């Protein structure tokens, strides 16, 4: 319910090898769609009908979470360039990445 395929694709863009990226994203998106269908079957209805308030809440948070994800992706790129060189900078970026995970988790209401 909290998953966003656009965010998945943005993270997939961090993969340098286009064949690996295409293969992995194909597997992930196929599995994602299959899981959504299975949940619908198990719960006897679509998420749109069962979890209206949760979906509305997600819509309200989407823009802010998108900004946090963008910061996370940029920080991850920077961390990757510094992790084998400037350790002080790499450690600061790593701390920021950990804080971003916490912020995103709280924003998604997925901390428990």
PDB file of N, CA and C in Angstrom:
ATOM      1  N   UNK A   1       0.815  -1.187   0.000  1.00  0.00           N
ATOM      2  CA  UNK A   1       0.000   0.000   0.000  1.00  0.00           C
ATOM      3  C   UNK A   1       0.864   1.258   0.000  1.00  0.00           C
ATOM      4  N   UNK A   2       2.003   1.204   0.669  1.00  0.00           N
ATOM      5  CA  UNK A   2       2.892   2.357   0.700  1.00  0.00           C
ATOM      6  C   UNK A   2       3.896   2.352  -0.437  1.00  0.00           C
ATOM      7  N   UNK A   3       3.871   1.322  -1.249  1.00  0.00           N
ATOM      8  CA  UNK A   3       4.863   1.233  -2.323  1.00  0.00           C
ATOM      9  C   UNK A   3       4.476   2.148  -3.482  1.00  0.00           C
ATOM     10  N   UNK A   4       5.503   2.654  -4.147  1.00  0.00           N
ATOM     11  CA  UNK A   4       5.318   3.591  -5.249  1.00  0.00           C
ATOM     12  C   UNK A   4       6.273   3.182  -6.363  1.00  0.00           C
ATOM     13  N   UNK A   5       5.718   2.765  -7.478  1.00  0.00           N
ATOM     14  CA  UNK A   5       6.570   2.275  -8.565  1.00  0.00           C
ATOM     15  C   UNK A   5       7.466   3.366  -9.139  1.00  0.00           C
ATOM     16  N   UNK A   6       7.053   4.626  -9.056  1.00  0.00           N
ATOM     17  CA  UNK A   6       7.920   5.704  -9.533  1.00  0.00           C
ATOM     18  C   UNK A   6       9.177   5.818  -8.667  1.00  0.00           C
ATOM     19  N   UNK A   7       9.006   5.636  -7.360  1.00  0.00           N
ATOM     20  CA  UNK A   7      10.154   5.665  -6.455  1.00  0.00           C
ATOM     21  C   UNK A   7      11.037   4.451  -6.718  1.00  0.00           C
ATOM     22  N   UNK A   8      10.415   3.296  -6.953  1.00  0.00           N
ATOM     23  CA  UNK A   8      11.193   2.090  -7.277  1.00  0.00           C
ATOM     24  C   UNK A   8      12.072   2.338  -8.505  1.00  0.00           C
ATOM     25  N   UNK A   9      11.475   2.958  -9.523  1.00  0.00           N
ATOM     26  CA  UNK A   9      12.203   3.225 -10.765  1.00  0.00           C
ATOM     27  C   UNK A   9      13.322   4.242 -10.553  1.00  0.00           C
ATOM     28  N   UNK A  10      13.084   5.221  -9.683  1.00  0.00           N
ATOM     29  CA  UNK A  10      14.127   6.213  -9.392  1.00  0.00           C
ATOM     30  C   UNK A  10      15.331   5.543  -8.731  1.00  0.00           C
ATOM     31  N   UNK A  11      15.068   4.611  -7.813  1.00  0.00           N
ATOM     32  CA  UNK A  11      16.174   3.879  -7.189  1.00  0.00           C
ATOM     33  C   UNK A  11      16.832   2.940  -8.192  1.00  0.00           C
ATOM     34  N   UNK A  12      16.056   2.373  -9.087  1.00  0.00           N
ATOM     35  CA  UNK A  12      16.626   1.487 -10.110  1.00  0.00           C
ATOM     36  C   UNK A  12      17.595   2.237 -11.013  1.00  0.00           C
ATOM     37  N   UNK A  13      17.367   3.530 -11.186  1.00  0.00           N
ATOM     38  CA  UNK A  13      18.277   4.331 -12.008  1.00  0.00           C
ATOM     39  C   UNK A  13      19.674   4.429 -11.412  1.00  0.00           C
ATOM     40  N   UNK A  14      19.834   4.022 -10.164  1.00  0.00           N
ATOM     41  CA  UNK A  14      21.165   3.994  -9.550  1.00  0.00           C
ATOM     42  C   UNK A  14      21.997   2.814 -10.046  1.00  0.00           C
ATOM     43  N   UNK A  15      21.342   1.840 -10.670  1.00  0.00           N
ATOM     44  CA  UNK A  15      22.046   0.668 -11.203  1.00  0.00           C
ATOM     45  C   UNK A  15      22.683   1.066 -12.530  1.00  0.00           C
ATOM     46  N   UNK A  16      23.983   0.884 -12.626  1.00  0.00           N
ATOM     47  CA  UNK A  16      24.713   1.333 -13.809  1.00  0.00           C
ATOM     48  C   UNK A  16      24.542   0.416 -15.024  1.00  0.00           C
ATOM     49  N   UNK A  17      24.419  -0.862 -14.791  1.00  0.00           N
ATOM     50  CA  UNK A  17      24.297  -1.820 -15.892  1.00  0.00           C
ATOM     51  C   UNK A  17      22.839  -1.883 -16.347  1.00  0.00           C
ATOM     52  N   UNK A  18      22.545  -1.435 -17.577  1.00  0.00           N
ATOM     53  CA  UNK A  18      21.149  -1.393 -18.035  1.00  0.00           C
ATOM     54  C   UNK A  18      20.484  -2.769 -18.103  1.00  0.00           C
ATOM     55  N   UNK A  19      21.245  -3.811 -18.410  1.00  0.00           N
ATOM     56  CA  UNK A  19      20.666  -5.155 -18.464  1.00  0.00           C
ATOM     57  C   UNK A  19      20.249  -5.624 -17.068  1.00  0.00           C
ATOM     58  N   UNK A  20      21.105  -5.391 -16.104  1.00  0.00           N
ATOM     59  CA  UNK A  20      20.799  -5.768 -14.717  1.00  0.00           C
ATOM     60  C   UNK A  20      19.586  -4.985 -14.233  1.00  0.00           C
ATOM     61  N   UNK A  21      19.590  -3.687 -14.499  1.00  0.00           N
ATOM     62  CA  UNK A  21      18.472  -2.830 -14.087  1.00  0.00           C
ATOM     63  C   UNK A  21      17.158  -3.319 -14.696  1.00  0.00           C
ATOM     64  N   UNK A  22      17.155  -3.588 -15.976  1.00  0.00           N
ATOM     65  CA  UNK A  22      15.937  -4.035 -16.659  1.00  0.00           C
ATOM     66  C   UNK A  22      15.464  -5.375 -16.120  1.00  0.00           C
ATOM     67  N   UNK A  23      16.399  -6.300 -15.938  1.00  0.00           N
ATOM     68  CA  UNK A  23      16.027  -7.624 -15.433  1.00  0.00           C
ATOM     69  C   UNK A  23      15.460  -7.543 -14.011  1.00  0.00           C
ATOM     70  N   UNK A  24      16.149  -6.827 -13.132  1.00  0.00           N
ATOM     71  CA  UNK A  24      15.690  -6.724 -11.746  1.00  0.00           C
ATOM     72  C   UNK A  24      14.361  -5.984 -11.638  1.00  0.00           C
ATOM     73  N   UNK A  25      14.215  -4.883 -12.361  1.00  0.00           N
ATOM     74  CA  UNK A  25      12.955  -4.142 -12.302  1.00  0.00           C
ATOM     75  C   UNK A  25      11.804  -4.960 -12.879  1.00  0.00           C
ATOM     76  N   UNK A  26      12.100  -5.753 -13.890  1.00  0.00           N
ATOM     77  CA  UNK A  26      11.061  -6.645 -14.418  1.00  0.00           C
ATOM     78  C   UNK A  26      10.589  -7.623 -13.360  1.00  0.00           C
ATOM     79  N   UNK A  27      11.534  -8.222 -12.658  1.00  0.00           N
ATOM     80  CA  UNK A  27      11.182  -9.159 -11.583  1.00  0.00           C
ATOM     81  C   UNK A  27      10.415  -8.462 -10.458  1.00  0.00           C
ATOM     82  N   UNK A  28      10.902  -7.309 -10.052  1.00  0.00           N
ATOM     83  CA  UNK A  28      10.277  -6.581  -8.936  1.00  0.00           C
ATOM     84  C   UNK A  28       8.861  -6.144  -9.293  1.00  0.00           C
ATOM     85  N   UNK A  29       8.694  -5.541 -10.458  1.00  0.00           N
ATOM     86  CA  UNK A  29       7.370  -5.044 -10.836  1.00  0.00           C
ATOM     87  C   UNK A  29       6.383  -6.174 -11.104  1.00  0.00           C
ATOM     88  N   UNK A  30       6.860  -7.271 -11.672  1.00  0.00           N
ATOM     89  CA  UNK A  30       5.991  -8.432 -11.875  1.00  0.00           C
ATOM     90  C   UNK A  30       5.539  -8.986 -10.536  1.00  0.00           C
ATOM     91  N   UNK A  31       6.464  -9.123  -9.610  1.00  0.00           N
ATOM     92  CA  UNK A  31       6.135  -9.627  -8.281  1.00  0.00           C
ATOM     93  C   UNK A  31       5.194  -8.665  -7.552  1.00  0.00           C
ATOM     94  N   UNK A  32       5.435  -7.390  -7.687  1.00  0.00           N
ATOM     95  CA  UNK A  32       4.583  -6.372  -7.062  1.00  0.00           C
ATOM     96  C   UNK A  32       3.136  -6.493  -7.549  1.00  0.00           C
ATOM     97  N   UNK A  33       2.964  -6.571  -8.857  1.00  0.00           N
ATOM     98  CA  UNK A  33       1.617  -6.691  -9.420  1.00  0.00           C
ATOM     99  C   UNK A  33       0.947  -7.996  -8.983  1.00  0.00           C
ATOM    100  N   UNK A  34       1.703  -9.080  -8.973  1.00  0.00           N
ATOM    101  CA  UNK A  34       1.165 -10.360  -8.533  1.00  0.00           C
ATOM    102  C   UNK A  34       0.723 -10.294  -7.072  1.00  0.00           C
ATOM    103  N   UNK A  35       1.533  -9.665  -6.242  1.00  0.00           N
ATOM    104  CA  UNK A  35       1.186  -9.533  -4.818  1.00  0.00           C
ATOM    105  C   UNK A  35      -0.094  -8.722  -4.635  1.00  0.00           C
ATOM    106  N   UNK A  36      -0.225  -7.629  -5.383  1.00  0.00           N
ATOM    107  CA  UNK A  36      -1.443  -6.822  -5.284  1.00  0.00           C
ATOM    108  C   UNK A  36      -2.672  -7.648  -5.653  1.00  0.00           C
ATOM    109  N   UNK A  37      -2.555  -8.445  -6.705  1.00  0.00           N
ATOM    110  CA  UNK A  37      -3.676  -9.296  -7.123  1.00  0.00           C
ATOM    111  C   UNK A  37      -3.993 -10.351  -6.071  1.00  0.00           C
ATOM    112  N   UNK A  38      -2.970 -10.947  -5.491  1.00  0.00           N
ATOM    113  CA  UNK A  38      -3.188 -11.968  -4.464  1.00  0.00           C
ATOM    114  C   UNK A  38      -3.848 -11.377  -3.220  1.00  0.00           C
ATOM    115  N   UNK A  39      -3.430 -10.178  -2.839  1.00  0.00           N
ATOM    116  CA  UNK A  39      -4.050  -9.513  -1.691  1.00  0.00           C
ATOM    117  C   UNK A  39      -5.515  -9.227  -1.979  1.00  0.00           C
ATOM    118  N   UNK A  40      -5.804  -8.776  -3.197  1.00  0.00           N
ATOM    119  CA  UNK A  40      -7.205  -8.552  -3.582  1.00  0.00           C
ATOM    120  C   UNK A  40      -8.015  -9.839  -3.461  1.00  0.00           C
ATOM    121  N   UNK A  41      -7.447 -10.941  -3.921  1.00  0.00           N
ATOM    122  CA  UNK A  41      -8.142 -12.224  -3.834  1.00  0.00           C
ATOM    123  C   UNK A  41      -8.367 -12.638  -2.383  1.00  0.00           C
ATOM    124  N   UNK A  42      -7.336 -12.504  -1.556  1.00  0.00           N
ATOM    125  CA  UNK A  42      -7.448 -12.890  -0.150  1.00  0.00           C
ATOM    126  C   UNK A  42      -8.439 -12.031   0.624  1.00  0.00           C
ATOM    127  N   UNK A  43      -8.447 -10.746   0.309  1.00  0.00           N
ATOM    128  CA  UNK A  43      -9.273  -9.805   1.058  1.00  0.00           C
ATOM    129  C   UNK A  43     -10.635  -9.570   0.405  1.00  0.00           C
ATOM    130  N   UNK A  44     -10.893 -10.248  -0.690  1.00  0.00           N
ATOM    131  CA  UNK A  44     -12.173 -10.138  -1.410  1.00  0.00           C
ATOM    132  C   UNK A  44     -12.516  -8.704  -1.795  1.00  0.00           C
ATOM    133  N   UNK A  45     -11.531  -8.006  -2.303  1.00  0.00           N
ATOM    134  CA  UNK A  45     -11.778  -6.651  -2.779  1.00  0.00           C
ATOM    135  C   UNK A  45     -10.495  -5.878  -2.951  1.00  0.00           C
ATOM    136  N   UNK A  46     -10.585  -4.845  -3.754  1.00  0.00           N
ATOM    137  CA  UNK A  46      -9.400  -4.038  -4.037  1.00  0.00           C
ATOM    138  C   UNK A  46      -9.082  -3.112  -2.874  1.00  0.00           C
ATOM    139  N   UNK A  47      -7.855  -2.691  -2.823  1.00  0.00           N
ATOM    140  CA  UNK A  47      -7.416  -1.777  -1.777  1.00  0.00           C
ATOM    141  C   UNK A  47      -8.169  -0.455  -1.887  1.00  0.00           C
ATOM    142  N   UNK A  48      -8.527  -0.060  -3.099  1.00  0.00           N
ATOM    143  CA  UNK A  48      -9.260   1.185  -3.307  1.00  0.00           C
ATOM    144  C   UNK A  48     -10.622   1.168  -2.617  1.00  0.00           C
ATOM    145  N   UNK A  49     -11.214  -0.002  -2.489  1.00  0.00           N
ATOM    146  CA  UNK A  49     -12.516  -0.127  -1.834  1.00  0.00           C
ATOM    147  C   UNK A  49     -12.384  -0.356  -0.331  1.00  0.00           C
ATOM    148  N   UNK A  50     -11.306  -1.006   0.082  1.00  0.00           N
ATOM    149  CA  UNK A  50     -11.162  -1.393   1.490  1.00  0.00           C
ATOM    150  C   UNK A  50     -10.450  -0.358   2.342  1.00  0.00           C
ATOM    151  N   UNK A  51      -9.503   0.368   1.789  1.00  0.00           N
ATOM    152  CA  UNK A  51      -8.633   1.238   2.599  1.00  0.00           C
ATOM    153  C   UNK A  51      -8.672   2.686   2.115  1.00  0.00           C
ATOM    154  N   UNK A  52      -9.856   3.231   2.005  1.00  0.00           N
ATOM    155  CA  UNK A  52     -10.037   4.581   1.467  1.00  0.00           C
ATOM    156  C   UNK A  52      -9.267   5.616   2.288  1.00  0.00           C
ATOM    157  N   UNK A  53      -9.392   5.581   3.608  1.00  0.00           N
ATOM    158  CA  UNK A  53      -8.727   6.598   4.430  1.00  0.00           C
ATOM    159  C   UNK A  53      -7.205   6.471   4.349  1.00  0.00           C
ATOM    160  N   UNK A  54      -6.695   5.262   4.285  1.00  0.00           N
ATOM    161  CA  UNK A  54      -5.249   5.053   4.160  1.00  0.00           C
ATOM    162  C   UNK A  54      -4.742   5.613   2.831  1.00  0.00           C
ATOM    163  N   UNK A  55      -5.483   5.398   1.771  1.00  0.00           N
ATOM    164  CA  UNK A  55      -5.083   5.914   0.459  1.00  0.00           C
ATOM    165  C   UNK A  55      -5.118   7.443   0.439  1.00  0.00           C
ATOM    166  N   UNK A  56      -6.119   8.027   1.065  1.00  0.00           N
ATOM    167  CA  UNK A  56      -6.194   9.489   1.147  1.00  0.00           C
ATOM    168  C   UNK A  56      -5.007  10.035   1.933  1.00  0.00           C
ATOM    169  N   UNK A  57      -4.682   9.372   3.022  1.00  0.00           N
ATOM    170  CA  UNK A  57      -3.529   9.769   3.835  1.00  0.00           C
ATOM    171  C   UNK A  57      -2.249   9.701   3.012  1.00  0.00           C
ATOM    172  N   UNK A  58      -2.096   8.630   2.239  1.00  0.00           N
ATOM    173  CA  UNK A  58      -0.913   8.487   1.382  1.00  0.00           C
ATOM    174  C   UNK A  58      -0.827   9.610   0.354  1.00  0.00           C
ATOM    175  N   UNK A  59      -1.977   9.990  -0.221  1.00  0.00           N
ATOM    176  CA  UNK A  59      -1.991  11.079  -1.209  1.00  0.00           C
ATOM    177  C   UNK A  59      -1.519  12.390  -0.589  1.00  0.00           C
ATOM    178  N   UNK A  60      -1.934  12.637   0.647  1.00  0.00           N
ATOM    179  CA  UNK A  60      -1.539  13.872   1.328  1.00  0.00           C
ATOM    180  C   UNK A  60      -0.037  13.908   1.604  1.00  0.00           C
ATOM    181  N   UNK A  61       0.563  12.777   1.826  1.00  0.00           N
ATOM    182  CA  UNK A  61       1.980  12.696   2.186  1.00  0.00           C
ATOM    183  C   UNK A  61       2.905  12.515   0.979  1.00  0.00           C
ATOM    184  N   UNK A  62       2.333  12.186  -0.170  1.00  0.00           N
ATOM    185  CA  UNK A  62       3.139  11.796  -1.327  1.00  0.00           C
ATOM    186  C   UNK A  62       4.174  12.854  -1.726  1.00  0.00           C
ATOM    187  N   UNK A  63       3.785  14.103  -1.780  1.00  0.00           N
ATOM    188  CA  UNK A  63       4.718  15.142  -2.226  1.00  0.00           C
ATOM    189  C   UNK A  63       5.902  15.279  -1.270  1.00  0.00           C
ATOM    190  N   UNK A  64       5.602  15.331   0.027  1.00  0.00           N
ATOM    191  CA  UNK A  64       6.684  15.466   1.011  1.00  0.00           C
ATOM    192  C   UNK A  64       7.585  14.240   1.004  1.00  0.00           C
ATOM    193  N   UNK A  65       6.994  13.076   0.883  1.00  0.00           N
ATOM    194  CA  UNK A  65       7.799  11.855   0.831  1.00  0.00           C
ATOM    195  C   UNK A  65       8.648  11.814  -0.434  1.00  0.00           C
ATOM    196  N   UNK A  66       8.102  12.325  -1.529  1.00  0.00           N
ATOM    197  CA  UNK A  66       8.868  12.387  -2.774  1.00  0.00           C
ATOM    198  C   UNK A  66      10.117  13.238  -2.625  1.00  0.00           C
ATOM    199  N   UNK A  67       9.992  14.349  -1.903  1.00  0.00           N
ATOM    200  CA  UNK A  67      11.148  15.215  -1.646  1.00  0.00           C
ATOM    201  C   UNK A  67      12.183  14.457  -0.815  1.00  0.00           C
ATOM    202  N   UNK A  68      11.713  13.764   0.226  1.00  0.00           N
ATOM    203  CA  UNK A  68      12.645  12.988   1.053  1.00  0.00           C
ATOM    204  C   UNK A  68      13.332  11.889   0.247  1.00  0.00           C
ATOM    205  N   UNK A  69      12.591  11.215  -0.622  1.00  0.00           N
ATOM    206  CA  UNK A  69      13.201  10.180  -1.463  1.00  0.00           C
ATOM    207  C   UNK A  69      14.245  10.786  -2.402  1.00  0.00           C
ATOM    208  N   UNK A  70      13.950  11.950  -2.955  1.00  0.00           N
ATOM    209  CA  UNK A  70      14.915  12.607  -3.851  1.00  0.00           C
ATOM    210  C   UNK A  70      16.197  12.952  -3.087  1.00  0.00           C
ATOM    211  N   UNK A  71      16.049  13.468  -1.871  1.00  0.00           N
ATOM    212  CA  UNK A  71      17.218  13.760  -1.039  1.00  0.00           C
ATOM    213  C   UNK A  71      17.975  12.474  -0.730  1.00  0.00           C
ATOM    214  N   UNK A  72      17.228  11.410  -0.450  1.00  0.00           N
ATOM    215  CA  UNK A  72      17.845  10.118  -0.147  1.00  0.00           C
ATOM    216  C   UNK A  72      18.663   9.607  -1.340  1.00  0.00           C
ATOM    217  N   UNK A  73      18.107   9.698  -2.521  1.00  0.00           N
ATOM    218  CA  UNK A  73      18.803   9.223  -3.717  1.00  0.00           C
ATOM    219  C   UNK A  73      20.067  10.044  -3.974  1.00  0.00           C
ATOM    220  N   UNK A  74      19.955  11.367  -3.857  1.00  0.00           N
ATOM    221  CA  UNK A  74      21.133  12.222  -4.054  1.00  0.00           C
ATOM    222  C   UNK A  74      22.201  11.934  -2.998  1.00  0.00           C
ATOM    223  N   UNK A  75      21.772  11.741  -1.754  1.00  0.00           N
ATOM    224  CA  UNK A  75      22.718  11.433  -0.680  1.00  0.00           C
ATOM    225  C   UNK A  75      23.387  10.082  -0.901  1.00  0.00           C
ATOM    226  N   UNK A  76      22.627   9.126  -1.397  1.00  0.00           N
ATOM    227  CA  UNK A  76      23.187   7.803  -1.684  1.00  0.00           C
ATOM    228  C   UNK A  76      24.235   7.888  -2.799  1.00  0.00           C
ATOM    229  N   UNK A  77      23.937   8.675  -3.815  1.00  0.00           N
ATOM    230  CA  UNK A  77      24.917   8.871  -4.896  1.00  0.00           C
ATOM    231  C   UNK A  77      26.204   9.489  -4.354  1.00  0.00           C
ATOM    232  N   UNK A  78      26.056  10.524  -3.522  1.00  0.00           N
ATOM    233  CA  UNK A  78      27.229  11.178  -2.944  1.00  0.00           C
ATOM    234  C   UNK A  78      28.000  10.213  -2.047  1.00  0.00           C
ATOM    235  N   UNK A  79      27.266   9.468  -1.225  1.00  0.00           N
ATOM    236  CA  UNK A  79      27.922   8.521  -0.322  1.00  0.00           C
ATOM    237  C   UNK A  79      28.736   7.501  -1.113  1.00  0.00           C
ATOM    238  N   UNK A  80      28.185   7.024  -2.211  1.00  0.00           N
ATOM    239  CA  UNK A  80      28.902   6.045  -3.027  1.00  0.00           C
ATOM    240  C   UNK A  80      30.206   6.605  -3.576  1.00  0.00           C
ATOM    241  N   UNK A  81      30.235   7.896  -3.886  1.00  0.00           N
ATOM    242  CA  UNK A  81      31.474   8.482  -4.417  1.00  0.00           C
ATOM    243  C   UNK A  81      32.497   8.739  -3.321  1.00  0.00           C
ATOM    244  N   UNK A  82      32.047   8.903  -2.075  1.00  0.00           N
ATOM    245  CA  UNK A  82      32.951   9.223  -0.970  1.00  0.00           C
ATOM    246  C   UNK A  82      33.348   8.022  -0.115  1.00  0.00           C
ATOM    247  N   UNK A  83      32.635   6.930  -0.211  1.00  0.00           N
ATOM    248  CA  UNK A  83      32.834   5.827   0.745  1.00  0.00           C
ATOM    249  C   UNK A  83      34.229   5.202   0.689  1.00  0.00           C
ATOM    250  N   UNK A  84      34.897   5.301  -0.427  1.00  0.00           N
ATOM    251  CA  UNK A  84      36.251   4.740  -0.533  1.00  0.00           C
ATOM    252  C   UNK A  84      37.334   5.804  -0.504  1.00  0.00           C
ATOM    253  N   UNK A  85      36.936   7.043  -0.195  1.00  0.00           N
ATOM    254  CA  UNK A  85      37.914   8.124  -0.173  1.00  0.00           C
ATOM    255  C   UNK A  85      37.809   8.934   1.100  1.00  0.00           C
ATOM    256  N   UNK A  86      37.026   9.977   1.036  1.00  0.00           N
ATOM    257  CA  UNK A  86      36.854  10.899   2.162  1.00  0.00           C
ATOM    258  C   UNK A  86      35.929  10.260   3.202  1.00  0.00           C
ATOM    259  N   UNK A  87      36.530   9.581   4.178  1.00  0.00           N
ATOM    260  CA  UNK A  87      35.741   8.839   5.165  1.00  0.00           C
ATOM    261  C   UNK A  87      34.914   9.744   6.063  1.00  0.00           C
ATOM    262  N   UNK A  88      35.417  10.929   6.368  1.00  0.00           N
ATOM    263  CA  UNK A  88      34.649  11.850   7.209  1.00  0.00           C
ATOM    264  C   UNK A  88      33.363  12.255   6.497  1.00  0.00           C
ATOM    265  N   UNK A  89      33.487  12.628   5.247  1.00  0.00           N
ATOM    266  CA  UNK A  89      32.310  12.990   4.443  1.00  0.00           C
ATOM    267  C   UNK A  89      31.389  11.785   4.264  1.00  0.00           C
ATOM    268  N   UNK A  90      31.963  10.626   4.010  1.00  0.00           N
ATOM    269  CA  UNK A  90      31.163   9.407   3.836  1.00  0.00           C
ATOM    270  C   UNK A  90      30.372   9.089   5.097  1.00  0.00           C
ATOM    271  N   UNK A  91      31.001   9.236   6.254  1.00  0.00           N
ATOM    272  CA  UNK A  91      30.305   8.951   7.511  1.00  0.00           C
ATOM    273  C   UNK A  91      29.187   9.958   7.777  1.00  0.00           C
ATOM    274  N   UNK A  92      29.398  11.207   7.418  1.00  0.00           N
ATOM    275  CA  UNK A  92      28.335  12.213   7.573  1.00  0.00           C
ATOM    276  C   UNK A  92      27.157  11.894   6.649  1.00  0.00           C
ATOM    277  N   UNK A  93      27.473  11.489   5.436  1.00  0.00           N
ATOM    278  CA  UNK A  93      26.419  11.113   4.487  1.00  0.00           C
ATOM    279  C   UNK A  93      25.685   9.853   4.946  1.00  0.00           C
ATOM    280  N   UNK A  94      26.422   8.912   5.511  1.00  0.00           N
ATOM    281  CA  UNK A  94      25.791   7.694   6.011  1.00  0.00           C
ATOM    282  C   UNK A  94      24.819   8.027   7.145  1.00  0.00           C
ATOM    283  N   UNK A  95      25.215   8.908   8.022  1.00  0.00           N
ATOM    284  CA  UNK A  95      24.317   9.335   9.102  1.00  0.00           C
ATOM    285  C   UNK A  95      23.059   9.985   8.520  1.00  0.00           C
ATOM    286  N   UNK A  96      23.255  10.823   7.510  1.00  0.00           N
ATOM    287  CA  UNK A  96      22.109  11.453   6.863  1.00  0.00           C
ATOM    288  C   UNK A  96      21.187  10.402   6.232  1.00  0.00           C
ATOM    289  N   UNK A  97      21.773   9.398   5.600  1.00  0.00           N
ATOM    290  CA  UNK A  97      20.965   8.329   4.998  1.00  0.00           C
ATOM    291  C   UNK A  97      20.165   7.580   6.059  1.00  0.00           C
ATOM    292  N   UNK A  98      20.773   7.324   7.197  1.00  0.00           N
ATOM    293  CA  UNK A  98      20.061   6.639   8.279  1.00  0.00           C
ATOM    294  C   UNK A  98      18.923   7.500   8.821  1.00  0.00           C
ATOM    295  N   UNK A  99      19.168   8.786   8.944  1.00  0.00           N
ATOM    296  CA  UNK A  99      18.116   9.705   9.390  1.00  0.00           C
ATOM    297  C   UNK A  99      16.978   9.778   8.369  1.00  0.00           C
ATOM    298  N   UNK A 100      17.334   9.753   7.100  1.00  0.00           N
ATOM    299  CA  UNK A 100      16.308   9.770   6.051  1.00  0.00           C
ATOM    300  C   UNK A 100      15.438   8.514   6.095  1.00  0.00           C
ATOM    301  N   UNK A 101      16.045   7.374   6.373  1.00  0.00           N
ATOM    302  CA  UNK A 101      15.264   6.134   6.509  1.00  0.00           C
ATOM    303  C   UNK A 101      14.251   6.291   7.630  1.00  0.00           C
ATOM    304  N   UNK A 102      14.687   6.856   8.753  1.00  0.00           N
ATOM    305  CA  UNK A 102      13.773   7.081   9.871  1.00  0.00           C
ATOM    306  C   UNK A 102      12.669   8.060   9.506  1.00  0.00           C
ATOM    307  N   UNK A 103      13.021   9.135   8.821  1.00  0.00           N
ATOM    308  CA  UNK A 103      12.025  10.129   8.420  1.00  0.00           C
ATOM    309  C   UNK A 103      11.004   9.528   7.458  1.00  0.00           C
ATOM    310  N   UNK A 104      11.487   8.761   6.499  1.00  0.00           N
ATOM    311  CA  UNK A 104      10.580   8.121   5.541  1.00  0.00           C
ATOM    312  C   UNK A 104       9.685   7.092   6.225  1.00  0.00           C
ATOM    313  N   UNK A 105      10.254   6.336   7.129  1.00  0.00           N
ATOM    314  CA  UNK A 105       9.475   5.353   7.857  1.00  0.00           C
ATOM    315  C   UNK A 105       8.360   6.029   8.652  1.00  0.00           C
ATOM    316  N   UNK A 106       8.696   7.117   9.311  1.00  0.00           N
ATOM    317  CA  UNK A 106       7.680   7.852  10.054  1.00  0.00           C
ATOM    318  C   UNK A 106       6.636   8.447   9.123  1.00  0.00           C
ATOM    319  N   UNK A 107       7.070   8.990   8.006  1.00  0.00           N
ATOM    320  CA  UNK A 107       6.147   9.576   7.033  1.00  0.00           C
ATOM    321  C   UNK A 107       5.214   8.555   6.410  1.00  0.00           C
ATOM    322  N   UNK A 108       5.698   7.339   6.281  1.00  0.00           N
ATOM    323  CA  UNK A 108       4.879   6.251   5.740  1.00  0.00           C
ATOM    324  C   UNK A 108       4.056   5.565   6.822  1.00  0.00           C
ATOM    325  N   UNK A 109       4.268   5.994   8.050  1.00  0.00           N
ATOM    326  CA  UNK A 109       3.634   5.369   9.211  1.00  0.00           C
ATOM    327  C   UNK A 109       3.984   3.904   9.276  1.00  0.00           C
ATOM    328  N   UNK A 110       5.266   3.612   9.036  1.00  0.00           N
ATOM    329  CA  UNK A 110       5.723   2.236   9.028  1.00  0.00           C
ATOM    330  C   UNK A 110       6.802   1.977  10.063  1.00  0.00           C
ATOM    331  N   UNK A 111       6.702   2.621  11.201  1.00  0.00           N
ATOM    332  CA  UNK A 111       7.760   2.477  12.205  1.00  0.00           C
ATOM    333  C   UNK A 111       7.505   1.333  13.168  1.00  0.00           C
ATOM    334  N   UNK A 112       6.325   0.790  13.195  1.00  0.00           N
ATOM    335  CA  UNK A 112       5.999  -0.236  14.182  1.00  0.00           C
ATOM    336  C   UNK A 112       6.051  -1.576  13.602  1.00  0.00           C
TER     337      UNK A 112
END
